[in-house]
Structure formats: C-alpha cells, structure tokens
Amino acid sequence: MNDPVSYRAAAPTSTLAVVSLVFGILAWCVLPFVGAVVAIVCGHLARSEIRNTHPERRPEGDGMAVAGLVLGYLQLFFIVLFAFLAIALLFFGFAFTGWRGW
C-alpha cells in the first residue's frame, strides 16, 4: 500500500552562471568594462561546465549564463561603438575646423 517514494535532490546551480549574471547586470549599472569582461568569461566557463558534467549531476543555470553573456557582449559592443564614435568625432571635428596639432 505504501510505496516508497524516491526523491531526487534538486540540482545545484552553477556558481559561475550566477557570477556571470550578476556581473552582466553590474556592467550596465556600475562597472562598464570590467563587469562586461567578467560576465563574458564566467558565462563561457559556466556553459562549458554545465555541458561537460554528467547528466545526472548536471548543475542548473544555463539560462543565467546565457543572460550574463548577452548583457556582457552588448555592454562591450556599446563601449567599443562609443569609443569609435568619440575618436571619429575628435578626428573629424578637428579636421572640419582646420585645427592642426602639429
């Protein structure tokens, strides 16, 4: 009558995935460049860890790692775009005014 019920413990969450998501958020709030780089590195490490672990002991957190990667790459893209535009603005701004620094 009473069948034994087997409970499987919940899979742990990948710490690297959590770090990737947290630094991806921090990249947009506090640490633009450093947060983006940490989010990208930890996101790739977390996804590798999740994929290479045995399926029965596979940690959760792939979605968090992907979210950290997306936030990190977007922030890095905007930093590079802003730097490119700032350099172009300085270059063309000085060229249009006729100013010669040398």
N, C-alpha and C. Protein backbone atom coordinates (compact mmCIF):
# COMPACT_ATOMS: atom_id res chain seq x y z
N MET A 1 0.79 -1.17 0.00
CA MET A 1 0.00 0.00 0.00
C MET A 1 0.85 1.26 0.00
N ASN A 2 1.78 1.32 0.90
CA ASN A 2 2.68 2.47 0.93
C ASN A 2 3.91 2.19 0.08
N ASP A 3 3.89 2.70 -1.10
CA ASP A 3 5.05 2.53 -1.97
C ASP A 3 6.12 3.54 -1.55
N PRO A 4 7.37 3.08 -1.51
CA PRO A 4 8.43 4.03 -1.16
C PRO A 4 8.59 5.07 -2.28
N VAL A 5 8.63 6.28 -1.87
CA VAL A 5 8.77 7.37 -2.83
C VAL A 5 10.22 7.81 -2.83
N SER A 6 10.79 7.87 -4.00
CA SER A 6 12.17 8.31 -4.07
C SER A 6 12.19 9.76 -4.55
N TYR A 7 12.88 10.56 -3.80
CA TYR A 7 13.03 11.96 -4.17
C TYR A 7 14.44 12.19 -4.65
N ARG A 8 14.53 12.89 -5.72
CA ARG A 8 15.84 13.25 -6.23
C ARG A 8 16.15 14.66 -5.75
N ALA A 9 17.33 14.83 -5.25
CA ALA A 9 17.72 16.14 -4.76
C ALA A 9 17.77 17.13 -5.93
N ALA A 10 17.42 18.34 -5.62
CA ALA A 10 17.45 19.38 -6.65
C ALA A 10 18.88 19.60 -7.11
N ALA A 11 19.03 19.82 -8.39
CA ALA A 11 20.36 20.04 -8.94
C ALA A 11 20.89 21.38 -8.45
N PRO A 12 22.16 21.44 -8.12
CA PRO A 12 22.72 22.71 -7.66
C PRO A 12 22.82 23.70 -8.83
N THR A 13 22.87 24.95 -8.49
CA THR A 13 23.01 25.99 -9.50
C THR A 13 24.49 26.28 -9.68
N SER A 14 24.91 26.44 -10.91
CA SER A 14 26.30 26.74 -11.22
C SER A 14 26.67 28.11 -10.67
N THR A 15 27.70 28.14 -9.85
CA THR A 15 28.17 29.40 -9.27
C THR A 15 28.67 30.35 -10.35
N LEU A 16 29.34 29.81 -11.36
CA LEU A 16 29.83 30.66 -12.44
C LEU A 16 28.69 31.30 -13.22
N ALA A 17 27.57 30.60 -13.35
CA ALA A 17 26.41 31.17 -14.04
C ALA A 17 25.84 32.34 -13.25
N VAL A 18 25.78 32.20 -11.95
CA VAL A 18 25.29 33.28 -11.10
C VAL A 18 26.23 34.48 -11.18
N VAL A 19 27.53 34.22 -11.12
CA VAL A 19 28.52 35.30 -11.21
C VAL A 19 28.41 36.01 -12.56
N SER A 20 28.21 35.25 -13.62
CA SER A 20 28.07 35.84 -14.94
C SER A 20 26.85 36.76 -15.00
N LEU A 21 25.73 36.33 -14.48
CA LEU A 21 24.53 37.16 -14.49
C LEU A 21 24.70 38.40 -13.63
N VAL A 22 25.28 38.25 -12.45
CA VAL A 22 25.46 39.39 -11.55
C VAL A 22 26.39 40.43 -12.19
N PHE A 23 27.50 39.99 -12.75
CA PHE A 23 28.42 40.94 -13.36
C PHE A 23 27.86 41.50 -14.67
N GLY A 24 27.00 40.75 -15.35
CA GLY A 24 26.34 41.30 -16.53
C GLY A 24 25.42 42.45 -16.16
N ILE A 25 24.74 42.33 -15.02
CA ILE A 25 23.90 43.41 -14.53
C ILE A 25 24.76 44.57 -14.04
N LEU A 26 25.83 44.24 -13.31
CA LEU A 26 26.72 45.30 -12.82
C LEU A 26 27.40 46.05 -13.96
N ALA A 27 27.59 45.39 -15.08
CA ALA A 27 28.21 46.06 -16.23
C ALA A 27 27.34 47.21 -16.72
N TRP A 28 26.05 47.11 -16.56
CA TRP A 28 25.16 48.18 -17.00
C TRP A 28 24.95 49.23 -15.92
N CYS A 29 25.28 48.90 -14.67
CA CYS A 29 25.00 49.83 -13.57
C CYS A 29 26.25 50.51 -13.02
N VAL A 30 27.29 49.73 -12.77
CA VAL A 30 28.43 50.25 -12.01
C VAL A 30 29.76 50.05 -12.71
N LEU A 31 30.02 48.88 -13.23
CA LEU A 31 31.33 48.52 -13.78
C LEU A 31 31.26 48.25 -15.27
N PRO A 32 31.25 49.28 -16.10
CA PRO A 32 31.00 49.04 -17.53
C PRO A 32 31.95 48.06 -18.19
N PHE A 33 33.24 48.29 -18.18
CA PHE A 33 34.15 47.43 -18.94
C PHE A 33 34.50 46.17 -18.16
N VAL A 34 34.87 46.32 -16.91
CA VAL A 34 35.29 45.17 -16.09
C VAL A 34 34.13 44.19 -15.91
N GLY A 35 32.95 44.71 -15.63
CA GLY A 35 31.79 43.84 -15.46
C GLY A 35 31.45 43.05 -16.71
N ALA A 36 31.59 43.70 -17.87
CA ALA A 36 31.30 43.01 -19.13
C ALA A 36 32.29 41.88 -19.38
N VAL A 37 33.57 42.14 -19.13
CA VAL A 37 34.59 41.11 -19.37
C VAL A 37 34.39 39.94 -18.42
N VAL A 38 34.14 40.22 -17.14
CA VAL A 38 33.92 39.14 -16.17
C VAL A 38 32.66 38.35 -16.53
N ALA A 39 31.60 39.03 -16.94
CA ALA A 39 30.37 38.34 -17.32
C ALA A 39 30.59 37.42 -18.51
N ILE A 40 31.36 37.87 -19.48
CA ILE A 40 31.61 37.05 -20.67
C ILE A 40 32.46 35.84 -20.33
N VAL A 41 33.53 36.05 -19.58
CA VAL A 41 34.42 34.92 -19.23
C VAL A 41 33.68 33.91 -18.37
N CYS A 42 33.00 34.37 -17.34
CA CYS A 42 32.29 33.44 -16.45
C CYS A 42 31.13 32.76 -17.16
N GLY A 43 30.48 33.46 -18.09
CA GLY A 43 29.38 32.86 -18.84
C GLY A 43 29.85 31.71 -19.71
N HIS A 44 30.97 31.90 -20.39
CA HIS A 44 31.50 30.80 -21.22
C HIS A 44 31.98 29.64 -20.35
N LEU A 45 32.63 29.95 -19.23
CA LEU A 45 33.07 28.88 -18.32
C LEU A 45 31.89 28.12 -17.74
N ALA A 46 30.83 28.83 -17.38
CA ALA A 46 29.65 28.18 -16.81
C ALA A 46 28.97 27.27 -17.83
N ARG A 47 28.82 27.75 -19.06
CA ARG A 47 28.19 26.91 -20.08
C ARG A 47 29.03 25.67 -20.37
N SER A 48 30.35 25.82 -20.36
CA SER A 48 31.23 24.67 -20.56
C SER A 48 31.10 23.69 -19.40
N GLU A 49 31.06 24.21 -18.19
CA GLU A 49 30.91 23.35 -17.01
C GLU A 49 29.59 22.59 -17.05
N ILE A 50 28.52 23.28 -17.43
CA ILE A 50 27.20 22.65 -17.47
C ILE A 50 27.14 21.57 -18.55
N ARG A 51 27.71 21.85 -19.71
CA ARG A 51 27.68 20.87 -20.80
C ARG A 51 28.55 19.65 -20.51
N ASN A 52 29.68 19.84 -19.83
CA ASN A 52 30.64 18.75 -19.64
C ASN A 52 30.39 17.93 -18.38
N THR A 53 29.38 18.25 -17.61
CA THR A 53 29.07 17.49 -16.41
C THR A 53 28.15 16.33 -16.77
N HIS A 54 28.26 15.25 -16.02
CA HIS A 54 27.42 14.07 -16.24
C HIS A 54 25.95 14.47 -16.11
N PRO A 55 25.08 13.96 -16.99
CA PRO A 55 23.66 14.39 -16.99
C PRO A 55 22.94 14.21 -15.66
N GLU A 56 23.32 13.21 -14.88
CA GLU A 56 22.64 13.00 -13.60
C GLU A 56 23.06 14.01 -12.55
N ARG A 57 24.23 14.61 -12.71
CA ARG A 57 24.73 15.59 -11.74
C ARG A 57 24.88 16.97 -12.36
N ARG A 58 24.23 17.19 -13.47
CA ARG A 58 24.37 18.44 -14.21
C ARG A 58 23.78 19.61 -13.42
N PRO A 59 24.57 20.66 -13.22
CA PRO A 59 24.05 21.83 -12.49
C PRO A 59 23.10 22.65 -13.35
N GLU A 60 22.24 23.39 -12.69
CA GLU A 60 21.31 24.29 -13.37
C GLU A 60 22.02 25.62 -13.64
N GLY A 61 21.40 26.46 -14.41
CA GLY A 61 21.93 27.80 -14.59
C GLY A 61 22.35 28.16 -16.00
N ASP A 62 22.00 27.35 -16.98
CA ASP A 62 22.40 27.67 -18.35
C ASP A 62 21.74 28.97 -18.81
N GLY A 63 20.51 29.19 -18.42
CA GLY A 63 19.82 30.43 -18.79
C GLY A 63 20.48 31.65 -18.17
N MET A 64 20.92 31.52 -16.92
CA MET A 64 21.61 32.64 -16.28
C MET A 64 22.94 32.93 -16.97
N ALA A 65 23.63 31.87 -17.38
CA ALA A 65 24.90 32.06 -18.08
C ALA A 65 24.68 32.75 -19.42
N VAL A 66 23.65 32.35 -20.14
CA VAL A 66 23.35 32.98 -21.43
C VAL A 66 22.95 34.45 -21.22
N ALA A 67 22.16 34.72 -20.19
CA ALA A 67 21.78 36.11 -19.92
C ALA A 67 23.00 36.96 -19.58
N GLY A 68 23.93 36.41 -18.78
CA GLY A 68 25.16 37.13 -18.48
C GLY A 68 26.00 37.38 -19.72
N LEU A 69 26.06 36.39 -20.60
CA LEU A 69 26.79 36.56 -21.87
C LEU A 69 26.17 37.66 -22.73
N VAL A 70 24.86 37.64 -22.85
CA VAL A 70 24.19 38.65 -23.67
C VAL A 70 24.42 40.05 -23.11
N LEU A 71 24.25 40.20 -21.79
CA LEU A 71 24.46 41.51 -21.17
C LEU A 71 25.91 41.96 -21.32
N GLY A 72 26.85 41.04 -21.14
CA GLY A 72 28.26 41.39 -21.26
C GLY A 72 28.65 41.77 -22.68
N TYR A 73 28.22 40.98 -23.65
CA TYR A 73 28.56 41.28 -25.04
C TYR A 73 27.90 42.58 -25.52
N LEU A 74 26.66 42.82 -25.11
CA LEU A 74 26.01 44.07 -25.50
C LEU A 74 26.73 45.28 -24.91
N GLN A 75 27.10 45.18 -23.64
CA GLN A 75 27.82 46.29 -23.00
C GLN A 75 29.16 46.51 -23.69
N LEU A 76 29.87 45.45 -23.98
CA LEU A 76 31.16 45.57 -24.66
C LEU A 76 30.99 46.17 -26.06
N PHE A 77 29.95 45.78 -26.76
CA PHE A 77 29.67 46.34 -28.07
C PHE A 77 29.44 47.85 -27.98
N PHE A 78 28.64 48.28 -27.01
CA PHE A 78 28.36 49.71 -26.87
C PHE A 78 29.60 50.50 -26.43
N ILE A 79 30.46 49.89 -25.63
CA ILE A 79 31.70 50.56 -25.24
C ILE A 79 32.58 50.77 -26.46
N VAL A 80 32.74 49.74 -27.28
CA VAL A 80 33.57 49.85 -28.48
C VAL A 80 32.94 50.84 -29.46
N LEU A 81 31.63 50.80 -29.62
CA LEU A 81 30.95 51.74 -30.50
C LEU A 81 31.13 53.18 -30.02
N PHE A 82 30.99 53.41 -28.73
CA PHE A 82 31.17 54.75 -28.18
C PHE A 82 32.61 55.23 -28.37
N ALA A 83 33.58 54.35 -28.14
CA ALA A 83 34.98 54.74 -28.33
C ALA A 83 35.25 55.07 -29.80
N PHE A 84 34.72 54.27 -30.71
CA PHE A 84 34.90 54.54 -32.13
C PHE A 84 34.27 55.88 -32.52
N LEU A 85 33.06 56.13 -32.04
CA LEU A 85 32.40 57.39 -32.36
C LEU A 85 33.12 58.58 -31.74
N ALA A 86 33.63 58.43 -30.53
CA ALA A 86 34.37 59.52 -29.89
C ALA A 86 35.64 59.84 -30.65
N ILE A 87 36.37 58.83 -31.09
CA ILE A 87 37.60 59.05 -31.86
C ILE A 87 37.26 59.68 -33.22
N ALA A 88 36.21 59.18 -33.87
CA ALA A 88 35.81 59.75 -35.16
C ALA A 88 35.36 61.19 -35.00
N LEU A 89 34.63 61.49 -33.93
CA LEU A 89 34.17 62.85 -33.70
C LEU A 89 35.35 63.79 -33.46
N LEU A 90 36.32 63.34 -32.67
CA LEU A 90 37.51 64.15 -32.44
C LEU A 90 38.28 64.37 -33.74
N PHE A 91 38.46 63.31 -34.48
CA PHE A 91 39.24 63.41 -35.72
C PHE A 91 38.55 64.33 -36.73
N PHE A 92 37.27 64.06 -36.99
CA PHE A 92 36.56 64.86 -37.99
C PHE A 92 36.25 66.26 -37.47
N GLY A 93 36.06 66.38 -36.17
CA GLY A 93 35.82 67.71 -35.61
C GLY A 93 37.02 68.61 -35.79
N PHE A 94 38.21 68.09 -35.52
CA PHE A 94 39.42 68.87 -35.73
C PHE A 94 39.68 69.09 -37.20
N ALA A 95 39.34 68.14 -38.05
CA ALA A 95 39.57 68.28 -39.49
C ALA A 95 38.66 69.35 -40.08
N PHE A 96 37.42 69.44 -39.60
CA PHE A 96 36.49 70.43 -40.15
C PHE A 96 36.81 71.84 -39.68
N THR A 97 37.40 71.99 -38.51
CA THR A 97 37.71 73.34 -38.02
C THR A 97 39.05 73.83 -38.55
N GLY A 98 39.80 72.98 -39.18
CA GLY A 98 41.08 73.38 -39.74
C GLY A 98 42.21 73.44 -38.71
N TRP A 99 41.96 72.91 -37.52
CA TRP A 99 42.99 72.93 -36.47
C TRP A 99 44.05 71.88 -36.76
N ARG A 100 45.30 72.27 -36.68
CA ARG A 100 46.42 71.34 -36.89
C ARG A 100 47.22 71.31 -35.61
N GLY A 101 47.37 70.13 -35.07
CA GLY A 101 48.10 69.99 -33.81
C GLY A 101 49.59 69.91 -34.00
N TRP A 102 50.06 69.77 -35.19
CA TRP A 102 51.48 69.62 -35.39
C TRP A 102 52.09 70.78 -36.14
